[in-house]
Protein backbone atom coordinates (compact mmCIF):
# COMPACT_ATOMS: atom_id res chain seq x y z
CA MET A 1 22.26 55.76 -182.76
CA SER A 2 24.12 52.96 -184.59
CA GLU A 3 22.66 49.47 -184.64
CA LYS A 4 25.61 48.20 -182.56
CA LYS A 5 24.85 50.72 -179.83
CA THR A 6 21.14 49.97 -180.10
CA ILE A 7 21.79 46.25 -179.71
CA SER A 8 24.21 46.82 -176.82
CA ARG A 9 21.80 49.14 -175.02
CA ALA A 10 18.83 46.84 -175.50
CA THR A 11 20.89 43.82 -174.44
CA GLY A 12 21.98 45.68 -171.31
CA VAL A 13 18.40 46.59 -170.38
CA LEU A 14 17.12 43.09 -171.12
CA GLY A 15 20.07 41.49 -169.36
CA GLY A 16 19.60 43.55 -166.20
CA ALA A 17 15.87 42.89 -166.04
CA THR A 18 16.35 39.22 -166.87
CA LEU A 19 19.06 38.92 -164.20
CA LEU A 20 16.52 40.03 -161.62
CA SER A 21 13.98 37.51 -162.91
CA ARG A 22 16.60 34.73 -162.93
CA ILE A 23 17.61 35.50 -159.35
CA THR A 24 14.00 35.24 -158.21
CA GLY A 25 13.73 32.08 -160.33
CA LEU A 26 16.70 30.63 -158.46
CA VAL A 27 15.02 31.46 -155.17
CA ARG A 28 11.84 29.82 -156.47
CA ASP A 29 13.67 26.61 -157.35
CA MET A 30 15.44 26.65 -153.98
CA VAL A 31 12.10 26.92 -152.17
CA VAL A 32 10.52 24.13 -154.24
CA GLY A 33 13.64 21.97 -153.81
CA ARG A 34 13.80 22.44 -150.06
CA ILE A 35 10.09 21.71 -149.57
CA PHE A 36 9.55 18.91 -152.11
CA GLY A 37 13.08 17.62 -152.87
CA ALA A 38 13.63 15.60 -156.05
CA GLY A 39 11.24 12.69 -156.29
CA PHE A 40 7.60 11.65 -156.81
CA ALA A 41 5.86 15.05 -156.54
CA THR A 42 8.50 17.13 -158.34
CA ASP A 43 8.84 14.59 -161.16
CA ALA A 44 5.08 14.86 -161.70
CA PHE A 45 5.07 18.67 -161.49
CA PHE A 46 7.97 19.24 -163.89
CA MET A 47 6.57 16.72 -166.36
CA ALA A 48 3.14 18.36 -166.19
CA PHE A 49 4.63 21.82 -166.73
CA THR A 50 6.37 20.50 -169.85
CA LEU A 51 3.21 20.70 -171.97
CA PRO A 52 2.10 24.31 -171.30
CA ASN A 53 5.74 25.40 -171.35
CA LEU A 54 6.31 23.73 -174.72
CA LEU A 55 3.18 25.30 -176.21
CA ARG A 56 4.26 28.65 -174.77
CA ARG A 57 7.41 28.38 -176.88
CA PHE A 58 5.43 27.14 -179.89
CA PHE A 59 2.73 29.79 -179.96
CA ALA A 60 4.32 32.56 -177.95
CA GLU A 61 8.00 33.21 -177.33
CA GLY A 62 9.14 31.10 -180.25
CA SER A 63 7.37 31.09 -183.58
CA MET A 64 4.88 33.87 -182.85
CA THR A 65 7.58 36.33 -181.77
CA ALA A 66 9.86 35.39 -184.67
CA ALA A 67 7.02 35.84 -187.17
CA PHE A 68 5.35 38.85 -185.54
CA VAL A 69 8.32 41.13 -184.79
CA PRO A 70 9.73 41.47 -188.34
CA THR A 71 6.27 41.89 -189.88
CA PHE A 72 5.03 44.33 -187.24
CA SER A 73 8.30 46.28 -187.46
CA ALA A 74 7.83 46.65 -191.22
CA VAL A 75 4.21 47.82 -190.75
CA LEU A 76 5.21 50.39 -188.12
CA HIS A 77 8.08 51.85 -190.10
CA ASN A 78 6.51 51.70 -193.56
CA GLN A 79 2.79 52.31 -192.92
CA GLY A 80 2.74 54.34 -189.71
CA VAL A 81 1.56 54.12 -186.12
CA ASP A 82 -2.18 53.98 -186.80
CA GLU A 83 -1.85 50.95 -189.06
CA ALA A 84 0.46 49.29 -186.53
CA ARG A 85 -2.13 49.77 -183.78
CA ARG A 86 -4.84 48.27 -186.00
CA VAL A 87 -2.64 45.23 -186.78
CA ALA A 88 -1.89 44.84 -183.05
CA ARG A 89 -5.62 44.68 -182.24
CA ILE A 90 -6.23 42.04 -184.92
CA CYS A 91 -3.29 39.93 -183.73
CA PHE A 92 -4.41 40.20 -180.11
CA THR A 93 -7.91 39.00 -181.02
CA ALA A 94 -6.70 36.18 -183.26
CA LEU A 95 -4.04 34.91 -180.85
CA GLY A 96 -6.39 35.07 -177.87
CA THR A 97 -9.03 33.08 -179.77
CA VAL A 98 -6.59 30.39 -180.91
CA LEU A 99 -4.97 30.02 -177.48
CA LEU A 100 -8.33 29.82 -175.74
CA LEU A 101 -9.30 26.90 -178.01
CA VAL A 102 -5.90 25.25 -177.51
CA THR A 103 -6.27 25.60 -173.74
CA LEU A 104 -9.69 23.94 -173.72
CA LEU A 105 -8.48 21.16 -175.99
CA GLY A 106 -5.37 20.64 -173.84
CA ILE A 107 -7.43 20.25 -170.67
CA LEU A 108 -9.80 17.75 -172.31
CA ALA A 109 -7.00 15.72 -173.91
CA SER A 110 -4.72 15.85 -170.87
CA PRO A 111 -4.98 12.15 -169.80
CA TRP A 112 -3.93 10.91 -173.24
CA VAL A 113 -1.15 13.44 -173.79
CA VAL A 114 0.28 13.00 -170.29
CA GLY A 115 0.19 9.25 -170.75
CA LEU A 116 2.26 9.70 -173.90
CA ILE A 117 5.02 12.06 -172.71
CA GLY A 118 5.23 10.54 -169.23
CA HIS A 119 4.73 6.94 -170.28
CA GLY A 120 7.44 5.66 -167.94
CA PHE A 121 5.55 6.98 -164.91
CA GLY A 122 2.98 4.23 -165.39
CA ASP A 123 5.16 1.85 -163.36
CA THR A 124 4.74 4.01 -160.22
CA ALA A 125 1.28 3.98 -158.65
CA GLY A 126 -0.48 7.37 -158.78
CA LYS A 127 2.30 9.22 -160.58
CA LEU A 128 0.49 9.58 -163.91
CA LEU A 129 -2.73 10.63 -162.15
CA LEU A 130 -0.91 13.38 -160.26
CA THR A 131 0.82 14.53 -163.46
CA ASP A 132 -2.55 14.71 -165.23
CA LEU A 133 -4.11 16.75 -162.38
CA LEU A 134 -1.25 19.24 -162.35
CA ASN A 135 -1.29 19.54 -166.15
CA ARG A 136 -5.01 20.38 -166.16
CA ILE A 137 -4.48 23.06 -163.52
CA MET A 138 -1.54 24.71 -165.28
CA PHE A 139 -2.65 24.43 -168.90
CA PRO A 140 -4.40 27.86 -169.01
CA TYR A 141 -0.95 29.36 -168.41
CA ILE A 142 -0.38 29.14 -172.17
CA LEU A 143 -3.15 31.72 -172.75
CA PHE A 144 -1.45 34.24 -170.45
CA ALA A 145 2.02 33.44 -171.85
CA GLY A 146 0.85 33.94 -175.44
CA LEU A 147 -0.71 37.33 -174.75
CA LEU A 148 2.42 38.31 -172.83
CA ALA A 149 4.62 37.40 -175.81
CA LEU A 150 2.48 39.48 -178.15
CA ALA A 151 2.62 42.47 -175.81
CA SER A 152 6.39 42.01 -175.47
CA GLY A 153 6.82 41.98 -179.24
CA ILE A 154 4.86 45.21 -179.62
CA LEU A 155 6.85 46.93 -176.88
CA ASN A 156 10.21 45.68 -178.17
CA VAL A 157 9.52 47.01 -181.67
CA ASN A 158 8.71 50.33 -179.97
CA ASP A 159 12.11 50.16 -178.20
CA HIS A 160 10.73 49.31 -174.75
CA TYR A 161 12.35 46.22 -173.27
CA PHE A 162 12.35 46.48 -169.49
CA THR A 163 8.74 45.70 -168.52
CA PRO A 164 8.41 42.47 -170.56
CA ALA A 165 11.85 41.28 -169.42
CA VAL A 166 11.18 41.88 -165.73
CA SER A 167 7.66 40.39 -165.72
CA PRO A 168 8.86 36.80 -164.98
CA VAL A 169 9.65 38.09 -161.48
CA LEU A 170 5.90 38.06 -160.83
CA LEU A 171 5.64 34.44 -161.99
CA ASN A 172 8.51 33.43 -159.72
CA LEU A 173 7.05 35.26 -156.70
CA ALA A 174 3.64 33.68 -157.31
CA MET A 175 5.18 30.19 -157.46
CA ILE A 176 7.16 30.87 -154.27
CA ALA A 177 3.93 31.93 -152.58
CA GLY A 178 2.23 28.80 -153.90
CA ALA A 179 4.97 26.53 -152.52
CA ALA A 180 5.34 28.28 -149.16
CA TRP A 181 1.78 29.28 -148.30
CA LEU A 182 -0.73 27.57 -150.60
CA SER A 183 0.74 24.06 -150.64
CA PRO A 184 -0.15 23.27 -146.97
CA LEU A 185 -3.80 23.90 -147.86
CA PHE A 186 -3.96 21.13 -150.50
CA ASP A 187 -3.56 17.39 -150.73
CA PRO A 188 -1.27 16.75 -152.51
CA PRO A 189 0.62 19.92 -151.48
CA ILE A 190 2.32 20.34 -154.90
CA VAL A 191 -1.07 21.61 -156.19
CA GLY A 192 -0.27 24.91 -154.47
CA VAL A 193 2.73 25.42 -156.77
CA ALA A 194 0.58 24.72 -159.83
CA LEU A 195 -1.92 27.38 -158.74
CA GLY A 196 1.00 29.75 -158.28
CA VAL A 197 1.87 29.24 -161.97
CA LEU A 198 -1.62 30.35 -163.01
CA LEU A 199 -1.59 33.42 -160.76
CA GLY A 200 1.87 34.40 -161.98
CA GLY A 201 0.86 34.13 -165.63
CA PHE A 202 -2.12 36.42 -165.10
CA LEU A 203 -0.03 39.02 -163.24
CA GLN A 204 2.58 39.02 -166.01
CA VAL A 205 -0.01 39.98 -168.64
CA LEU A 206 -1.62 42.55 -166.36
CA MET A 207 1.77 44.25 -165.89
CA GLN A 208 2.08 45.05 -169.63
CA TRP A 209 -1.28 46.79 -170.08
CA PRO A 210 -0.46 50.24 -168.62
CA VAL A 211 2.75 50.45 -170.70
CA LEU A 212 0.89 49.48 -173.88
CA ALA A 213 -1.85 52.00 -173.14
CA ARG A 214 0.67 54.84 -172.73
CA ARG A 215 1.90 54.07 -176.26
CA GLY A 216 -1.61 54.07 -177.70
CA TYR A 217 -2.05 50.29 -178.02
CA GLY A 218 -5.45 49.74 -176.46
CA LEU A 219 -5.65 46.18 -177.84
CA GLY A 220 -9.42 46.08 -178.20
CA LEU A 221 -11.08 43.26 -180.14
CA ASP A 222 -10.91 43.25 -183.93
CA PHE A 223 -12.09 40.14 -185.79
CA SER A 224 -10.69 41.11 -189.22
CA PHE A 225 -9.06 37.71 -189.58
CA ARG A 226 -8.82 38.05 -193.36
CA ASP A 227 -6.36 40.93 -193.00
CA PRO A 228 -3.31 40.30 -195.27
CA THR A 229 -0.83 41.23 -192.51
CA LEU A 230 -2.32 38.64 -190.16
CA ARG A 231 -2.16 36.05 -192.92
CA ARG A 232 1.48 36.90 -193.55
CA ILE A 233 2.29 36.49 -189.86
CA ALA A 234 0.42 33.16 -189.77
CA ALA A 235 2.22 31.96 -192.89
CA LEU A 236 5.56 32.67 -191.23
CA MET A 237 4.47 31.30 -187.87
CA VAL A 238 3.10 27.88 -188.82
CA PRO A 239 6.35 26.40 -190.17
CA GLY A 240 8.32 28.36 -187.59
CA ILE A 241 6.73 26.38 -184.77
CA ALA A 242 9.20 23.54 -185.28
CA GLY A 243 12.15 25.70 -186.26
CA VAL A 244 12.41 28.22 -183.44
CA ALA A 245 11.16 25.91 -180.65
CA ILE A 246 13.65 23.16 -181.41
CA TYR A 247 15.33 23.29 -178.03
CA GLN A 248 12.04 22.88 -176.16
CA ILE A 249 10.99 19.97 -178.36
CA ASN A 250 14.25 18.29 -177.48
CA VAL A 251 13.56 18.93 -173.80
CA VAL A 252 10.26 17.06 -174.16
CA ILE A 253 12.05 14.09 -175.72
CA THR A 254 14.60 14.18 -172.91
CA ARG A 255 11.91 14.15 -170.21
CA LEU A 256 9.98 11.39 -171.95
CA LEU A 257 13.08 9.20 -171.92
CA ALA A 258 13.84 10.24 -168.33
CA SER A 259 10.44 8.94 -167.22
CA PHE A 260 11.83 5.43 -167.76
CA LEU A 261 14.82 6.07 -165.47
CA PRO A 262 14.88 5.82 -161.65
CA GLN A 263 12.63 8.17 -159.68
CA GLY A 264 14.09 11.66 -159.37
CA SER A 265 15.68 11.66 -162.84
CA VAL A 266 13.16 14.14 -164.29
CA SER A 267 13.77 16.44 -161.31
CA TYR A 268 17.57 16.20 -161.61
CA LEU A 269 17.34 17.19 -165.26
CA TYR A 270 14.97 20.06 -164.47
CA TYR A 271 17.13 21.53 -161.73
CA GLY A 272 20.21 21.10 -163.92
CA GLN A 273 18.51 22.82 -166.82
CA ARG A 274 17.35 25.70 -164.62
CA LEU A 275 20.92 26.59 -163.61
CA PHE A 276 21.98 26.16 -167.22
CA GLU A 277 19.28 28.61 -168.25
CA PHE A 278 20.50 31.26 -165.81
CA PRO A 279 23.27 32.68 -168.05
CA GLN A 280 21.23 31.70 -171.10
CA GLY A 281 18.33 33.90 -170.01
CA VAL A 282 20.44 36.77 -168.74
CA PHE A 283 22.49 37.20 -171.90
CA VAL A 284 21.69 34.79 -174.75
CA VAL A 285 17.93 35.33 -174.81
CA SER A 286 18.36 39.04 -174.10
CA LEU A 287 20.77 39.44 -177.01
CA ALA A 288 18.51 37.44 -179.33
CA GLN A 289 15.54 39.66 -178.41
CA ALA A 290 17.62 42.80 -178.85
CA VAL A 291 19.13 41.87 -182.21
CA LEU A 292 15.91 40.72 -183.92
CA PRO A 293 14.27 44.18 -184.23
CA ALA A 294 17.57 45.66 -185.48
CA MET A 295 18.05 42.96 -188.11
CA SER A 296 14.37 43.19 -189.07
CA ARG A 297 14.80 46.92 -189.79
CA GLN A 298 17.90 46.17 -191.87
CA ALA A 299 16.15 43.37 -193.76
CA ALA A 300 13.15 45.63 -194.46
CA ALA A 301 15.53 48.28 -195.80
CA GLU A 302 17.36 45.60 -197.86
CA ASP A 303 20.57 46.51 -196.00
CA LEU A 304 22.21 43.08 -196.23
CA GLU A 305 25.66 44.38 -195.31
CA GLY A 306 24.30 46.06 -192.20
CA LEU A 307 22.47 42.86 -191.24
CA LYS A 308 25.73 40.90 -191.55
CA GLN A 309 27.52 43.41 -189.33
CA SER A 310 24.82 43.14 -186.66
CA LEU A 311 24.99 39.35 -186.85
CA ASP A 312 28.81 39.35 -186.62
CA PHE A 313 28.69 41.66 -183.60
CA ALA A 314 26.08 39.51 -181.84
CA LEU A 315 27.96 36.25 -182.49
CA LYS A 316 31.18 37.65 -181.06
CA LEU A 317 29.38 38.87 -177.95
CA ILE A 318 27.88 35.40 -177.58
CA THR A 319 31.37 33.87 -177.76
CA VAL A 320 33.07 36.04 -175.14
CA VAL A 321 30.20 35.62 -172.66
CA THR A 322 28.95 32.05 -173.06
CA LEU A 323 32.32 30.28 -173.11
CA PRO A 324 33.39 31.44 -169.62
CA ALA A 325 29.84 30.98 -168.35
CA ALA A 326 29.75 27.38 -169.59
CA LEU A 327 33.16 26.59 -168.12
CA GLY A 328 32.18 28.22 -164.83
CA LEU A 329 28.98 26.16 -164.60
CA MET A 330 30.93 22.94 -165.11
CA LEU A 331 33.51 23.77 -162.45
CA CYS A 332 31.03 25.19 -159.93
CA ALA A 333 28.13 22.74 -160.41
CA THR A 334 28.43 20.89 -157.10
CA PRO A 335 29.28 24.02 -155.05
CA ILE A 336 26.27 25.89 -156.48
CA TYR A 337 23.77 23.17 -155.60
CA SER A 338 25.44 22.62 -152.22
CA VAL A 339 25.14 26.28 -151.22
CA PHE A 340 21.75 27.13 -152.70
CA PHE A 341 19.75 23.89 -152.74
CA MET A 342 21.05 21.43 -150.13
CA GLY A 343 18.78 21.27 -147.11
CA GLY A 344 15.34 20.00 -146.17
CA ALA A 345 14.23 17.35 -148.66
CA PHE A 346 17.19 18.11 -150.97
CA ASP A 347 20.15 16.06 -149.68
CA TYR A 348 23.78 15.77 -150.88
CA ALA A 349 22.92 12.77 -153.06
CA ALA A 350 20.47 15.00 -154.96
CA VAL A 351 23.22 17.66 -155.18
CA GLU A 352 25.60 15.18 -156.83
CA GLN A 353 23.04 13.84 -159.28
CA THR A 354 21.81 17.30 -160.27
CA SER A 355 25.40 18.48 -160.70
CA LEU A 356 26.01 15.71 -163.23
CA ALA A 357 23.08 16.98 -165.29
CA LEU A 358 24.39 20.57 -165.20
CA ILE A 359 27.91 19.50 -166.18
CA ALA A 360 26.50 17.67 -169.21
CA TYR A 361 24.24 20.59 -170.17
CA ALA A 362 26.82 23.39 -169.76
CA PRO A 363 28.90 22.95 -172.96
CA GLY A 364 25.72 23.47 -174.99
CA LEU A 365 25.46 27.09 -173.81
CA PHE A 366 27.78 28.36 -176.54
CA PHE A 367 26.02 26.43 -179.31
CA LEU A 368 22.59 27.39 -178.04
CA GLY A 369 23.72 31.01 -178.10
CA LEU A 370 24.78 30.68 -181.74
CA ALA A 371 21.45 29.09 -182.66
CA ARG A 372 19.40 31.71 -180.80
CA VAL A 373 21.10 34.49 -182.78
CA VAL A 374 21.32 32.78 -186.17
CA ALA A 375 17.74 31.41 -186.24
CA PRO A 376 16.10 34.86 -185.93
CA THR A 377 18.23 35.99 -188.87
CA PHE A 378 16.24 33.62 -191.09
CA TYR A 379 13.01 35.08 -189.74
CA ALA A 380 14.24 38.64 -190.27
CA LEU A 381 14.72 37.54 -193.89
CA GLN A 382 11.23 35.94 -193.72
CA ASP A 383 12.60 32.45 -194.36
CA THR A 384 10.94 29.90 -192.07
CA ARG A 385 11.50 26.77 -194.14
CA THR A 386 15.23 26.33 -193.49
CA PRO A 387 15.03 26.16 -189.67
CA VAL A 388 12.20 23.63 -189.97
CA VAL A 389 14.27 21.24 -192.08
CA ILE A 390 17.25 21.58 -189.74
CA SER A 391 15.08 21.11 -186.65
CA PHE A 392 13.77 17.79 -187.92
CA TRP A 393 17.24 16.27 -188.18
CA THR A 394 18.27 17.74 -184.83
CA LEU A 395 15.28 16.08 -183.19
CA VAL A 396 16.27 12.75 -184.70
CA ILE A 397 19.86 13.16 -183.47
CA ASN A 398 18.72 13.98 -179.93
CA ALA A 399 16.34 11.03 -179.75
CA LEU A 400 18.88 8.51 -181.06
CA LEU A 401 21.70 9.78 -178.87
CA GLY A 402 19.39 9.96 -175.85
CA VAL A 403 18.31 6.33 -176.17
CA ALA A 404 21.94 5.24 -176.60
CA LEU A 405 23.57 7.34 -173.87
CA MET A 406 20.92 6.82 -171.18
CA GLN A 407 21.80 3.13 -171.17
CA PHE A 408 25.28 3.96 -169.84
CA TYR A 409 25.02 7.33 -168.10
CA GLY A 410 21.37 7.60 -167.02
CA HIS A 411 19.99 11.13 -166.78
CA ALA A 412 23.44 12.64 -167.42
CA GLY A 413 23.49 10.78 -170.75
CA LEU A 414 20.19 12.43 -171.69
CA ALA A 415 21.59 15.85 -170.87
CA LEU A 416 24.70 15.13 -172.93
CA ALA A 417 22.56 13.99 -175.87
CA LEU A 418 20.69 17.31 -175.81
CA THR A 419 23.99 19.18 -175.75
CA LEU A 420 25.27 17.28 -178.79
CA ALA A 421 21.98 17.85 -180.63
CA THR A 422 22.20 21.59 -179.84
CA CYS A 423 25.73 21.61 -181.29
CA CYS A 424 24.47 20.02 -184.51
CA ASN A 425 21.58 22.47 -184.70
CA ALA A 426 23.91 25.47 -184.45
CA PHE A 427 26.36 24.04 -186.99
CA PHE A 428 23.68 23.37 -189.60
CA LEU A 429 22.03 26.77 -189.07
CA VAL A 430 25.31 28.62 -189.53
CA LEU A 431 26.14 26.57 -192.63
CA ALA A 432 22.68 27.19 -194.14
CA LEU A 433 22.81 30.93 -193.43
CA ARG A 434 26.21 31.21 -195.09
CA ARG A 435 24.82 29.55 -198.19
CA LYS A 436 21.85 31.91 -198.16
CA ILE A 437 23.53 35.31 -197.72
CA GLY A 438 27.21 34.60 -198.36
CA PRO A 439 30.14 34.98 -195.93
CA ILE A 440 28.99 35.91 -192.41
CA GLY A 441 32.34 36.34 -190.67
CA ILE A 442 32.98 32.76 -189.53
CA LYS A 443 36.76 33.26 -189.76
CA SER A 444 36.46 36.36 -187.63
CA LEU A 445 34.30 34.46 -185.13
CA PHE A 446 36.82 31.60 -184.99
CA SER A 447 39.60 34.11 -184.40
CA CYS A 448 37.61 35.52 -181.48
CA TYR A 449 37.14 31.99 -180.15
CA VAL A 450 40.89 31.30 -180.28
CA ARG A 451 41.76 34.61 -178.59
CA VAL A 452 39.62 33.82 -175.53
CA LEU A 453 41.26 30.43 -174.92
CA VAL A 454 44.10 31.89 -172.83
CA PRO A 455 41.76 33.95 -170.59
CA LEU A 456 39.58 30.85 -170.21
CA ALA A 457 42.55 28.71 -169.17
CA VAL A 458 43.70 31.27 -166.60
CA MET A 459 40.15 31.53 -165.23
CA ALA A 460 39.82 27.75 -165.00
CA VAL A 461 43.03 27.37 -162.96
CA VAL A 462 42.02 30.10 -160.51
CA VAL A 463 38.48 28.74 -160.06
CA PHE A 464 39.62 25.11 -159.68
CA TYR A 465 42.07 25.82 -156.86
CA MET A 466 39.83 28.28 -155.03
CA LEU A 467 36.96 25.78 -154.95
CA ARG A 468 39.18 23.32 -153.08
CA LEU A 469 38.77 25.57 -150.03
CA GLY A 470 35.11 24.58 -149.67
CA GLN A 471 33.56 21.58 -147.92
CA TRP A 472 30.64 21.00 -150.24
CA GLY A 473 29.19 17.93 -148.54
CA ALA A 474 28.91 19.62 -145.14
CA ALA A 475 25.50 21.20 -144.58
CA ASP A 476 26.72 23.01 -141.45
CA GLU A 477 29.38 24.87 -143.46
CA ARG A 478 26.89 26.74 -145.65
CA LEU A 479 28.09 30.21 -144.69
CA ARG A 480 31.75 29.39 -145.27
CA ASN A 481 30.97 27.57 -148.51
CA GLY A 482 28.84 30.48 -149.70
CA LEU A 483 31.69 32.91 -149.09
CA VAL A 484 34.13 30.62 -150.92
CA LEU A 485 31.75 30.25 -153.87
CA GLY A 486 31.00 33.96 -154.08
CA LEU A 487 34.68 34.93 -153.91
CA THR A 488 35.51 32.25 -156.51
CA VAL A 489 32.90 33.47 -158.99
CA PHE A 490 33.98 37.09 -158.55
CA SER A 491 37.68 36.21 -158.87
CA GLY A 492 37.06 34.02 -161.93
CA ALA A 493 35.09 36.76 -163.71
CA LEU A 494 37.72 39.38 -162.83
CA VAL A 495 40.62 37.19 -163.95
CA TYR A 496 38.85 36.41 -167.23
CA ALA A 497 38.13 40.09 -167.91
CA VAL A 498 41.65 41.26 -167.07
CA SER A 499 43.23 38.39 -169.04
CA GLY A 500 41.03 39.32 -171.97
CA LEU A 501 42.23 42.90 -171.84
CA VAL A 502 45.87 41.77 -171.68
CA CYS A 503 45.31 39.41 -174.62
CA LYS A 504 43.59 42.26 -176.50
CA VAL A 505 40.24 40.51 -176.99
CA SER A 506 38.50 43.47 -178.63
CA GLU A 507 34.97 42.40 -177.61
CA ILE A 508 35.95 42.46 -173.92
CA ASN A 509 37.57 45.86 -174.49
CA GLU A 510 34.26 47.10 -175.97
CA GLY A 511 32.45 45.79 -172.91
CA TRP A 512 34.77 47.66 -170.56
CA ALA A 513 34.45 50.84 -172.64
CA LEU A 514 30.63 50.59 -172.52
CA LEU A 515 30.75 50.09 -168.72
CA ARG A 516 33.09 53.08 -168.22
CA SER A 517 30.90 55.34 -170.36
CA ARG A 518 27.82 54.41 -168.33
CA LEU A 519 29.63 55.07 -165.06
CA ARG A 520 30.75 58.49 -166.33
CA ARG A 521 27.16 59.35 -167.30
CA LYS A 522 25.95 58.40 -163.83
CA LYS A 523 28.60 60.61 -162.19
CA ARG A 524 27.51 63.57 -164.31
CA ARG A 525 23.95 63.16 -163.11
């Protein structure tokens, strides 16, 4: 099977599983929004979850995955299965030990760290104390998330993607249970949601064990911490913490600045980011996960031309998917929050404010997609220094723009600052990669970008006029508004796809061909 087909197949599997997890995540956020709204308790909860979530990206999904997958892939393909299993045991033991220590330290240092990142909460009585309590409860989540990321890396290198990608469904269901059934048992009730996070993290890890066992990865303890492979992974991981987790670091800066804004601002940004992450998780993250093992194999085989072809293919897929998704989010922001979130403690004022955050976040989807594909290319080439240098300047840009724009546009200004910083991050990464490995098809990518402008324009006109049929401020028109929104999204996607075919956008043609071939295979069965 060619690498293009491998990437497409893996992206399809990951995308389908991630779509399910994102749908349950949307339900989770709807439940939390309806019960707790956007204010004191949710501000504290989302700020508290910032720390374990950030460290999850640092030690788990971000730098650890980017360092582990290429190295483990090389061990498996060059030294055999037995050696790969031995390395997996060592990595499991080392990562578990480190994360256990980090968890204990995080719980002990919680009051000081929370006081730093949520400094603006100090003006509201009890808000910092609640944030500290929730942070202490949720901090062990990083241990489960780290072990999950390691298990996911092992399975992905062995061409199994579904189980790791679908496991967030368990986290979402546990948080829904915490909000709906545990929260009435506690004072304050938001503690129930925090306990749901812990339960969900444990269930996610537990879900991977049978699949690992069937592939011979028992993951027993092995304290051979002087092993050269582990040292190589650590050497790649340490500087990669800043490079691959850049987006999450910027989120922390954004929430820190938001703590100085009116109450509810942290929640508006969170809910806005969650909808922004829906297409990001379904396609961008899935494609990044799918392309890394392929490029790692090509880098290990010193197939630079093949690596460039995989990168070019991934970047074009990013373009044809993220551009319409970003435009759709901007046009449908208010309708989406009206249909799915408005009700209970989440009123139309919260809908409007959250929509502003999503509109400011949405343009960054394309640039985030570029960064999520280009950054792993450096790690496939075992270069972690370049992303670190770029990440530093991106952080500075986000902080400076955030301070400036929040003065005029409040929380929407902070979201816009993060979007602009993400744009800069992608631009510098692409430029640095071109200098490192030579031409990477930027002209071809720009040509793809130009060719989708007409389909985008047609889609925008159709969506804009169809949305005028809804009454988005009327809570009693939810059914009608839901039908209008659903028909609009379907029509917009169909118009974009058909317009792309008419305009001969080859990447959309490839997507249709892949879909037709799958349908034919199903009919034969």
